[in-house]
């Protein structure tokens, strides 16, 4: 969405930071905002240590949220 709207962005894995850069007229649905929680996985997978294993339920929820983001972004880009 940022690229499609020619918005510069920092190199970061923090999804909330990236969502906050969206123009005010682009309002992501709650599932997309909830996907900001996926940032934890980017950090924990890059810097392993004392991290609790991901449960099947957490995995399924993470995939669901990630898919919701992709589908939303695709719809928004195709509508323009």
PDB file of N, CA and C in Angstrom:
ATOM      1  N   UNK A   1       0.823  -1.183   0.000  1.00  0.00           N
ATOM      2  CA  UNK A   1       0.000   0.000   0.000  1.00  0.00           C
ATOM      3  C   UNK A   1       0.873   1.253   0.000  1.00  0.00           C
ATOM      4  N   UNK A   2       1.965   1.206   0.722  1.00  0.00           N
ATOM      5  CA  UNK A   2       2.842   2.370   0.751  1.00  0.00           C
ATOM      6  C   UNK A   2       3.487   2.595  -0.611  1.00  0.00           C
ATOM      7  N   UNK A   3       3.955   1.550  -1.214  1.00  0.00           N
ATOM      8  CA  UNK A   3       4.563   1.675  -2.544  1.00  0.00           C
ATOM      9  C   UNK A   3       3.518   2.131  -3.558  1.00  0.00           C
ATOM     10  N   UNK A   4       2.348   1.547  -3.528  1.00  0.00           N
ATOM     11  CA  UNK A   4       1.288   1.901  -4.473  1.00  0.00           C
ATOM     12  C   UNK A   4       0.877   3.362  -4.342  1.00  0.00           C
ATOM     13  N   UNK A   5       1.081   3.937  -3.159  1.00  0.00           N
ATOM     14  CA  UNK A   5       0.721   5.334  -2.926  1.00  0.00           C
ATOM     15  C   UNK A   5       1.938   6.256  -2.897  1.00  0.00           C
ATOM     16  N   UNK A   6       3.091   5.729  -3.345  1.00  0.00           N
ATOM     17  CA  UNK A   6       4.344   6.499  -3.428  1.00  0.00           C
ATOM     18  C   UNK A   6       4.710   7.166  -2.100  1.00  0.00           C
ATOM     19  N   UNK A   7       4.552   6.403  -1.026  1.00  0.00           N
ATOM     20  CA  UNK A   7       4.880   6.902   0.313  1.00  0.00           C
ATOM     21  C   UNK A   7       6.206   6.285   0.741  1.00  0.00           C
ATOM     22  N   UNK A   8       7.197   7.122   1.019  1.00  0.00           N
ATOM     23  CA  UNK A   8       8.478   6.564   1.487  1.00  0.00           C
ATOM     24  C   UNK A   8       8.306   5.928   2.869  1.00  0.00           C
ATOM     25  N   UNK A   9       9.094   4.894   3.111  1.00  0.00           N
ATOM     26  CA  UNK A   9       8.985   4.192   4.391  1.00  0.00           C
ATOM     27  C   UNK A   9      10.348   3.676   4.814  1.00  0.00           C
ATOM     28  N   UNK A  10      10.557   3.542   6.125  1.00  0.00           N
ATOM     29  CA  UNK A  10      11.834   3.029   6.625  1.00  0.00           C
ATOM     30  C   UNK A  10      11.894   1.511   6.473  1.00  0.00           C
ATOM     31  N   UNK A  11      13.099   1.005   6.480  1.00  0.00           N
ATOM     32  CA  UNK A  11      13.282  -0.450   6.507  1.00  0.00           C
ATOM     33  C   UNK A  11      13.042  -0.885   7.945  1.00  0.00           C
ATOM     34  N   UNK A  12      11.930  -1.572   8.140  1.00  0.00           N
ATOM     35  CA  UNK A  12      11.559  -2.002   9.492  1.00  0.00           C
ATOM     36  C   UNK A  12      10.673  -3.233   9.393  1.00  0.00           C
ATOM     37  N   UNK A  13      10.664  -3.998  10.465  1.00  0.00           N
ATOM     38  CA  UNK A  13       9.742  -5.138  10.562  1.00  0.00           C
ATOM     39  C   UNK A  13       8.543  -4.768  11.421  1.00  0.00           C
ATOM     40  N   UNK A  14       8.502  -3.531  11.902  1.00  0.00           N
ATOM     41  CA  UNK A  14       7.418  -3.099  12.771  1.00  0.00           C
ATOM     42  C   UNK A  14       6.213  -2.714  11.918  1.00  0.00           C
ATOM     43  N   UNK A  15       5.229  -3.583  11.897  1.00  0.00           N
ATOM     44  CA  UNK A  15       4.062  -3.373  11.050  1.00  0.00           C
ATOM     45  C   UNK A  15       3.218  -2.189  11.501  1.00  0.00           C
ATOM     46  N   UNK A  16       3.187  -1.904  12.786  1.00  0.00           N
ATOM     47  CA  UNK A  16       2.443  -0.733  13.267  1.00  0.00           C
ATOM     48  C   UNK A  16       3.070   0.541  12.720  1.00  0.00           C
ATOM     49  N   UNK A  17       4.382   0.603  12.714  1.00  0.00           N
ATOM     50  CA  UNK A  17       5.073   1.757  12.148  1.00  0.00           C
ATOM     51  C   UNK A  17       4.675   1.959  10.701  1.00  0.00           C
ATOM     52  N   UNK A  18       4.623   0.892   9.947  1.00  0.00           N
ATOM     53  CA  UNK A  18       4.262   0.977   8.530  1.00  0.00           C
ATOM     54  C   UNK A  18       2.790   1.349   8.351  1.00  0.00           C
ATOM     55  N   UNK A  19       1.917   0.768   9.160  1.00  0.00           N
ATOM     56  CA  UNK A  19       0.496   1.120   9.076  1.00  0.00           C
ATOM     57  C   UNK A  19       0.269   2.596   9.409  1.00  0.00           C
ATOM     58  N   UNK A  20       1.029   3.110  10.348  1.00  0.00           N
ATOM     59  CA  UNK A  20       0.882   4.508  10.752  1.00  0.00           C
ATOM     60  C   UNK A  20       1.265   5.478   9.630  1.00  0.00           C
ATOM     61  N   UNK A  21       1.994   5.008   8.641  1.00  0.00           N
ATOM     62  CA  UNK A  21       2.397   5.861   7.522  1.00  0.00           C
ATOM     63  C   UNK A  21       1.318   5.984   6.445  1.00  0.00           C
ATOM     64  N   UNK A  22       0.292   5.162   6.527  1.00  0.00           N
ATOM     65  CA  UNK A  22      -0.778   5.248   5.533  1.00  0.00           C
ATOM     66  C   UNK A  22      -1.482   6.596   5.637  1.00  0.00           C
ATOM     67  N   UNK A  23      -1.894   7.156   4.500  1.00  0.00           N
ATOM     68  CA  UNK A  23      -2.650   8.417   4.546  1.00  0.00           C
ATOM     69  C   UNK A  23      -3.936   8.242   5.354  1.00  0.00           C
ATOM     70  N   UNK A  24      -4.434   9.325   5.903  1.00  0.00           N
ATOM     71  CA  UNK A  24      -5.618   9.269   6.767  1.00  0.00           C
ATOM     72  C   UNK A  24      -6.863   8.771   6.046  1.00  0.00           C
ATOM     73  N   UNK A  25      -6.913   8.937   4.736  1.00  0.00           N
ATOM     74  CA  UNK A  25      -8.098   8.481   4.007  1.00  0.00           C
ATOM     75  C   UNK A  25      -8.090   6.968   3.749  1.00  0.00           C
ATOM     76  N   UNK A  26      -6.963   6.315   4.009  1.00  0.00           N
ATOM     77  CA  UNK A  26      -6.891   4.853   3.882  1.00  0.00           C
ATOM     78  C   UNK A  26      -7.016   4.275   5.293  1.00  0.00           C
ATOM     79  N   UNK A  27      -8.161   3.691   5.559  1.00  0.00           N
ATOM     80  CA  UNK A  27      -8.429   3.162   6.897  1.00  0.00           C
ATOM     81  C   UNK A  27      -8.443   1.636   6.834  1.00  0.00           C
ATOM     82  N   UNK A  28      -7.390   1.010   7.351  1.00  0.00           N
ATOM     83  CA  UNK A  28      -7.350  -0.451   7.323  1.00  0.00           C
ATOM     84  C   UNK A  28      -8.411  -1.045   8.238  1.00  0.00           C
ATOM     85  N   UNK A  29      -8.986  -2.174   7.840  1.00  0.00           N
ATOM     86  CA  UNK A  29      -9.943  -2.850   8.719  1.00  0.00           C
ATOM     87  C   UNK A  29      -9.246  -3.372   9.980  1.00  0.00           C
ATOM     88  N   UNK A  30     -10.044  -3.724  10.963  1.00  0.00           N
ATOM     89  CA  UNK A  30      -9.490  -4.148  12.255  1.00  0.00           C
ATOM     90  C   UNK A  30      -8.543  -5.339  12.111  1.00  0.00           C
ATOM     91  N   UNK A  31      -8.858  -6.281  11.230  1.00  0.00           N
ATOM     92  CA  UNK A  31      -7.961  -7.440  11.046  1.00  0.00           C
ATOM     93  C   UNK A  31      -6.575  -7.000  10.587  1.00  0.00           C
ATOM     94  N   UNK A  32      -6.526  -6.003   9.742  1.00  0.00           N
ATOM     95  CA  UNK A  32      -5.236  -5.510   9.258  1.00  0.00           C
ATOM     96  C   UNK A  32      -4.498  -4.809  10.396  1.00  0.00           C
ATOM     97  N   UNK A  33      -5.197  -4.011  11.172  1.00  0.00           N
ATOM     98  CA  UNK A  33      -4.563  -3.368  12.325  1.00  0.00           C
ATOM     99  C   UNK A  33      -4.095  -4.419  13.332  1.00  0.00           C
ATOM    100  N   UNK A  34      -4.885  -5.468  13.520  1.00  0.00           N
ATOM    101  CA  UNK A  34      -4.503  -6.546  14.441  1.00  0.00           C
ATOM    102  C   UNK A  34      -3.243  -7.268  13.970  1.00  0.00           C
ATOM    103  N   UNK A  35      -3.003  -7.251  12.679  1.00  0.00           N
ATOM    104  CA  UNK A  35      -1.835  -7.934  12.124  1.00  0.00           C
ATOM    105  C   UNK A  35      -0.527  -7.298  12.579  1.00  0.00           C
ATOM    106  N   UNK A  36      -0.589  -6.098  13.141  1.00  0.00           N
ATOM    107  CA  UNK A  36       0.624  -5.469  13.672  1.00  0.00           C
ATOM    108  C   UNK A  36       1.278  -6.365  14.719  1.00  0.00           C
ATOM    109  N   UNK A  37       0.496  -7.216  15.353  1.00  0.00           N
ATOM    110  CA  UNK A  37       1.049  -8.144  16.354  1.00  0.00           C
ATOM    111  C   UNK A  37       2.006  -9.154  15.727  1.00  0.00           C
ATOM    112  N   UNK A  38       1.956  -9.302  14.420  1.00  0.00           N
ATOM    113  CA  UNK A  38       2.850 -10.250  13.741  1.00  0.00           C
ATOM    114  C   UNK A  38       4.296  -9.779  13.759  1.00  0.00           C
ATOM    115  N   UNK A  39       4.529  -8.520  14.083  1.00  0.00           N
ATOM    116  CA  UNK A  39       5.901  -7.991  14.159  1.00  0.00           C
ATOM    117  C   UNK A  39       6.762  -8.806  15.117  1.00  0.00           C
ATOM    118  N   UNK A  40       6.135  -9.314  16.163  1.00  0.00           N
ATOM    119  CA  UNK A  40       6.872 -10.136  17.146  1.00  0.00           C
ATOM    120  C   UNK A  40       7.566 -11.307  16.471  1.00  0.00           C
ATOM    121  N   UNK A  41       6.911 -11.911  15.504  1.00  0.00           N
ATOM    122  CA  UNK A  41       7.478 -13.082  14.832  1.00  0.00           C
ATOM    123  C   UNK A  41       8.700 -12.711  14.002  1.00  0.00           C
ATOM    124  N   UNK A  42       8.716 -11.536  13.424  1.00  0.00           N
ATOM    125  CA  UNK A  42       9.859 -11.105  12.621  1.00  0.00           C
ATOM    126  C   UNK A  42      11.103 -10.988  13.496  1.00  0.00           C
ATOM    127  N   UNK A  43      10.932 -10.450  14.675  1.00  0.00           N
ATOM    128  CA  UNK A  43      12.067 -10.263  15.578  1.00  0.00           C
ATOM    129  C   UNK A  43      12.498 -11.590  16.188  1.00  0.00           C
ATOM    130  N   UNK A  44      11.541 -12.357  16.687  1.00  0.00           N
ATOM    131  CA  UNK A  44      11.908 -13.611  17.375  1.00  0.00           C
ATOM    132  C   UNK A  44      12.528 -14.622  16.418  1.00  0.00           C
ATOM    133  N   UNK A  45      12.141 -14.604  15.159  1.00  0.00           N
ATOM    134  CA  UNK A  45      12.726 -15.562  14.218  1.00  0.00           C
ATOM    135  C   UNK A  45      14.132 -15.143  13.789  1.00  0.00           C
ATOM    136  N   UNK A  46      14.422 -13.864  13.853  1.00  0.00           N
ATOM    137  CA  UNK A  46      15.752 -13.373  13.481  1.00  0.00           C
ATOM    138  C   UNK A  46      16.739 -13.486  14.641  1.00  0.00           C
ATOM    139  N   UNK A  47      16.220 -13.372  15.846  1.00  0.00           N
ATOM    140  CA  UNK A  47      17.070 -13.367  17.034  1.00  0.00           C
ATOM    141  C   UNK A  47      16.575 -14.417  18.018  1.00  0.00           C
ATOM    142  N   UNK A  48      16.817 -15.685  17.702  1.00  0.00           N
ATOM    143  CA  UNK A  48      16.301 -16.751  18.572  1.00  0.00           C
ATOM    144  C   UNK A  48      16.954 -16.705  19.958  1.00  0.00           C
ATOM    145  N   UNK A  49      16.229 -17.225  20.886  1.00  0.00           N
ATOM    146  CA  UNK A  49      16.722 -17.258  22.264  1.00  0.00           C
ATOM    147  C   UNK A  49      15.690 -17.937  23.117  1.00  0.00           C
ATOM    148  N   UNK A  50      15.388 -17.327  24.218  1.00  0.00           N
ATOM    149  CA  UNK A  50      14.398 -17.872  25.136  1.00  0.00           C
ATOM    150  C   UNK A  50      12.998 -17.443  24.712  1.00  0.00           C
ATOM    151  N   UNK A  51      12.543 -18.034  23.635  1.00  0.00           N
ATOM    152  CA  UNK A  51      11.224 -17.709  23.104  1.00  0.00           C
ATOM    153  C   UNK A  51      10.355 -18.955  23.199  1.00  0.00           C
ATOM    154  N   UNK A  52       9.132 -18.752  23.667  1.00  0.00           N
ATOM    155  CA  UNK A  52       8.197 -19.870  23.768  1.00  0.00           C
ATOM    156  C   UNK A  52       7.855 -20.378  22.357  1.00  0.00           C
ATOM    157  N   UNK A  53       7.715 -21.675  22.189  1.00  0.00           N
ATOM    158  CA  UNK A  53       7.305 -22.200  20.888  1.00  0.00           C
ATOM    159  C   UNK A  53       5.913 -21.688  20.505  1.00  0.00           C
ATOM    160  N   UNK A  54       5.687 -21.561  19.227  1.00  0.00           N
ATOM    161  CA  UNK A  54       4.394 -21.105  18.724  1.00  0.00           C
ATOM    162  C   UNK A  54       3.439 -22.285  18.721  1.00  0.00           C
ATOM    163  N   UNK A  55       2.255 -22.073  19.269  1.00  0.00           N
ATOM    164  CA  UNK A  55       1.259 -23.140  19.280  1.00  0.00           C
ATOM    165  C   UNK A  55       0.577 -23.219  17.918  1.00  0.00           C
ATOM    166  N   UNK A  56      -0.117 -24.303  17.689  1.00  0.00           N
ATOM    167  CA  UNK A  56      -0.879 -24.473  16.444  1.00  0.00           C
ATOM    168  C   UNK A  56      -1.919 -23.362  16.308  1.00  0.00           C
ATOM    169  N   UNK A  57      -2.552 -22.998  17.411  1.00  0.00           N
ATOM    170  CA  UNK A  57      -3.562 -21.931  17.388  1.00  0.00           C
ATOM    171  C   UNK A  57      -2.931 -20.587  17.031  1.00  0.00           C
ATOM    172  N   UNK A  58      -1.770 -20.281  17.624  1.00  0.00           N
ATOM    173  CA  UNK A  58      -1.075 -19.030  17.311  1.00  0.00           C
ATOM    174  C   UNK A  58      -0.641 -19.001  15.844  1.00  0.00           C
ATOM    175  N   UNK A  59      -0.152 -20.132  15.375  1.00  0.00           N
ATOM    176  CA  UNK A  59       0.255 -20.248  13.971  1.00  0.00           C
ATOM    177  C   UNK A  59      -0.928 -19.987  13.043  1.00  0.00           C
ATOM    178  N   UNK A  60      -2.042 -20.625  13.305  1.00  0.00           N
ATOM    179  CA  UNK A  60      -3.232 -20.456  12.469  1.00  0.00           C
ATOM    180  C   UNK A  60      -3.715 -19.014  12.468  1.00  0.00           C
ATOM    181  N   UNK A  61      -3.694 -18.388  13.631  1.00  0.00           N
ATOM    182  CA  UNK A  61      -4.123 -16.990  13.735  1.00  0.00           C
ATOM    183  C   UNK A  61      -3.165 -16.073  12.976  1.00  0.00           C
ATOM    184  N   UNK A  62      -1.882 -16.325  13.076  1.00  0.00           N
ATOM    185  CA  UNK A  62      -0.893 -15.511  12.361  1.00  0.00           C
ATOM    186  C   UNK A  62      -1.090 -15.620  10.848  1.00  0.00           C
ATOM    187  N   UNK A  63      -1.319 -16.825  10.366  1.00  0.00           N
ATOM    188  CA  UNK A  63      -1.552 -17.019   8.931  1.00  0.00           C
ATOM    189  C   UNK A  63      -2.842 -16.317   8.514  1.00  0.00           C
ATOM    190  N   UNK A  64      -3.877 -16.423   9.316  1.00  0.00           N
ATOM    191  CA  UNK A  64      -5.153 -15.779   8.996  1.00  0.00           C
ATOM    192  C   UNK A  64      -4.984 -14.266   8.893  1.00  0.00           C
ATOM    193  N   UNK A  65      -4.276 -13.681   9.857  1.00  0.00           N
ATOM    194  CA  UNK A  65      -4.057 -12.239   9.841  1.00  0.00           C
ATOM    195  C   UNK A  65      -3.205 -11.818   8.639  1.00  0.00           C
ATOM    196  N   UNK A  66      -2.158 -12.560   8.362  1.00  0.00           N
ATOM    197  CA  UNK A  66      -1.297 -12.236   7.224  1.00  0.00           C
ATOM    198  C   UNK A  66      -2.081 -12.305   5.916  1.00  0.00           C
ATOM    199  N   UNK A  67      -2.908 -13.315   5.778  1.00  0.00           N
ATOM    200  CA  UNK A  67      -3.732 -13.439   4.570  1.00  0.00           C
ATOM    201  C   UNK A  67      -4.732 -12.290   4.465  1.00  0.00           C
ATOM    202  N   UNK A  68      -5.279 -11.865   5.593  1.00  0.00           N
ATOM    203  CA  UNK A  68      -6.225 -10.746   5.592  1.00  0.00           C
ATOM    204  C   UNK A  68      -5.540  -9.475   5.098  1.00  0.00           C
ATOM    205  N   UNK A  69      -4.304  -9.267   5.502  1.00  0.00           N
ATOM    206  CA  UNK A  69      -3.558  -8.086   5.062  1.00  0.00           C
ATOM    207  C   UNK A  69      -3.332  -8.133   3.554  1.00  0.00           C
ATOM    208  N   UNK A  70      -2.888  -9.264   3.065  1.00  0.00           N
ATOM    209  CA  UNK A  70      -2.612  -9.403   1.629  1.00  0.00           C
ATOM    210  C   UNK A  70      -3.883  -9.196   0.819  1.00  0.00           C
ATOM    211  N   UNK A  71      -4.967  -9.808   1.225  1.00  0.00           N
ATOM    212  CA  UNK A  71      -6.233  -9.669   0.487  1.00  0.00           C
ATOM    213  C   UNK A  71      -6.722  -8.222   0.510  1.00  0.00           C
ATOM    214  N   UNK A  72      -6.626  -7.562   1.655  1.00  0.00           N
ATOM    215  CA  UNK A  72      -7.039  -6.162   1.756  1.00  0.00           C
ATOM    216  C   UNK A  72      -6.192  -5.288   0.836  1.00  0.00           C
ATOM    217  N   UNK A  73      -4.876  -5.459   0.897  1.00  0.00           N
ATOM    218  CA  UNK A  73      -3.983  -4.643   0.067  1.00  0.00           C
ATOM    219  C   UNK A  73      -4.248  -4.883  -1.418  1.00  0.00           C
ATOM    220  N   UNK A  74      -4.436  -6.139  -1.801  1.00  0.00           N
ATOM    221  CA  UNK A  74      -4.731  -6.442  -3.202  1.00  0.00           C
ATOM    222  C   UNK A  74      -6.015  -5.747  -3.651  1.00  0.00           C
ATOM    223  N   UNK A  75      -7.057  -5.825  -2.838  1.00  0.00           N
ATOM    224  CA  UNK A  75      -8.323  -5.175  -3.183  1.00  0.00           C
ATOM    225  C   UNK A  75      -8.164  -3.668  -3.314  1.00  0.00           C
ATOM    226  N   UNK A  76      -7.441  -3.073  -2.369  1.00  0.00           N
ATOM    227  CA  UNK A  76      -7.245  -1.628  -2.383  1.00  0.00           C
ATOM    228  C   UNK A  76      -6.454  -1.185  -3.617  1.00  0.00           C
ATOM    229  N   UNK A  77      -5.425  -1.922  -3.956  1.00  0.00           N
ATOM    230  CA  UNK A  77      -4.590  -1.560  -5.098  1.00  0.00           C
ATOM    231  C   UNK A  77      -5.354  -1.737  -6.408  1.00  0.00           C
ATOM    232  N   UNK A  78      -6.125  -2.814  -6.495  1.00  0.00           N
ATOM    233  CA  UNK A  78      -6.883  -3.065  -7.731  1.00  0.00           C
ATOM    234  C   UNK A  78      -8.017  -2.070  -7.921  1.00  0.00           C
ATOM    235  N   UNK A  79      -8.552  -1.527  -6.829  1.00  0.00           N
ATOM    236  CA  UNK A  79      -9.629  -0.548  -6.924  1.00  0.00           C
ATOM    237  C   UNK A  79      -9.143   0.786  -7.472  1.00  0.00           C
ATOM    238  N   UNK A  80      -7.878   1.113  -7.249  1.00  0.00           N
ATOM    239  CA  UNK A  80      -7.352   2.412  -7.711  1.00  0.00           C
ATOM    240  C   UNK A  80      -7.167   2.471  -9.194  1.00  0.00           C
TER     241      UNK A  80
END
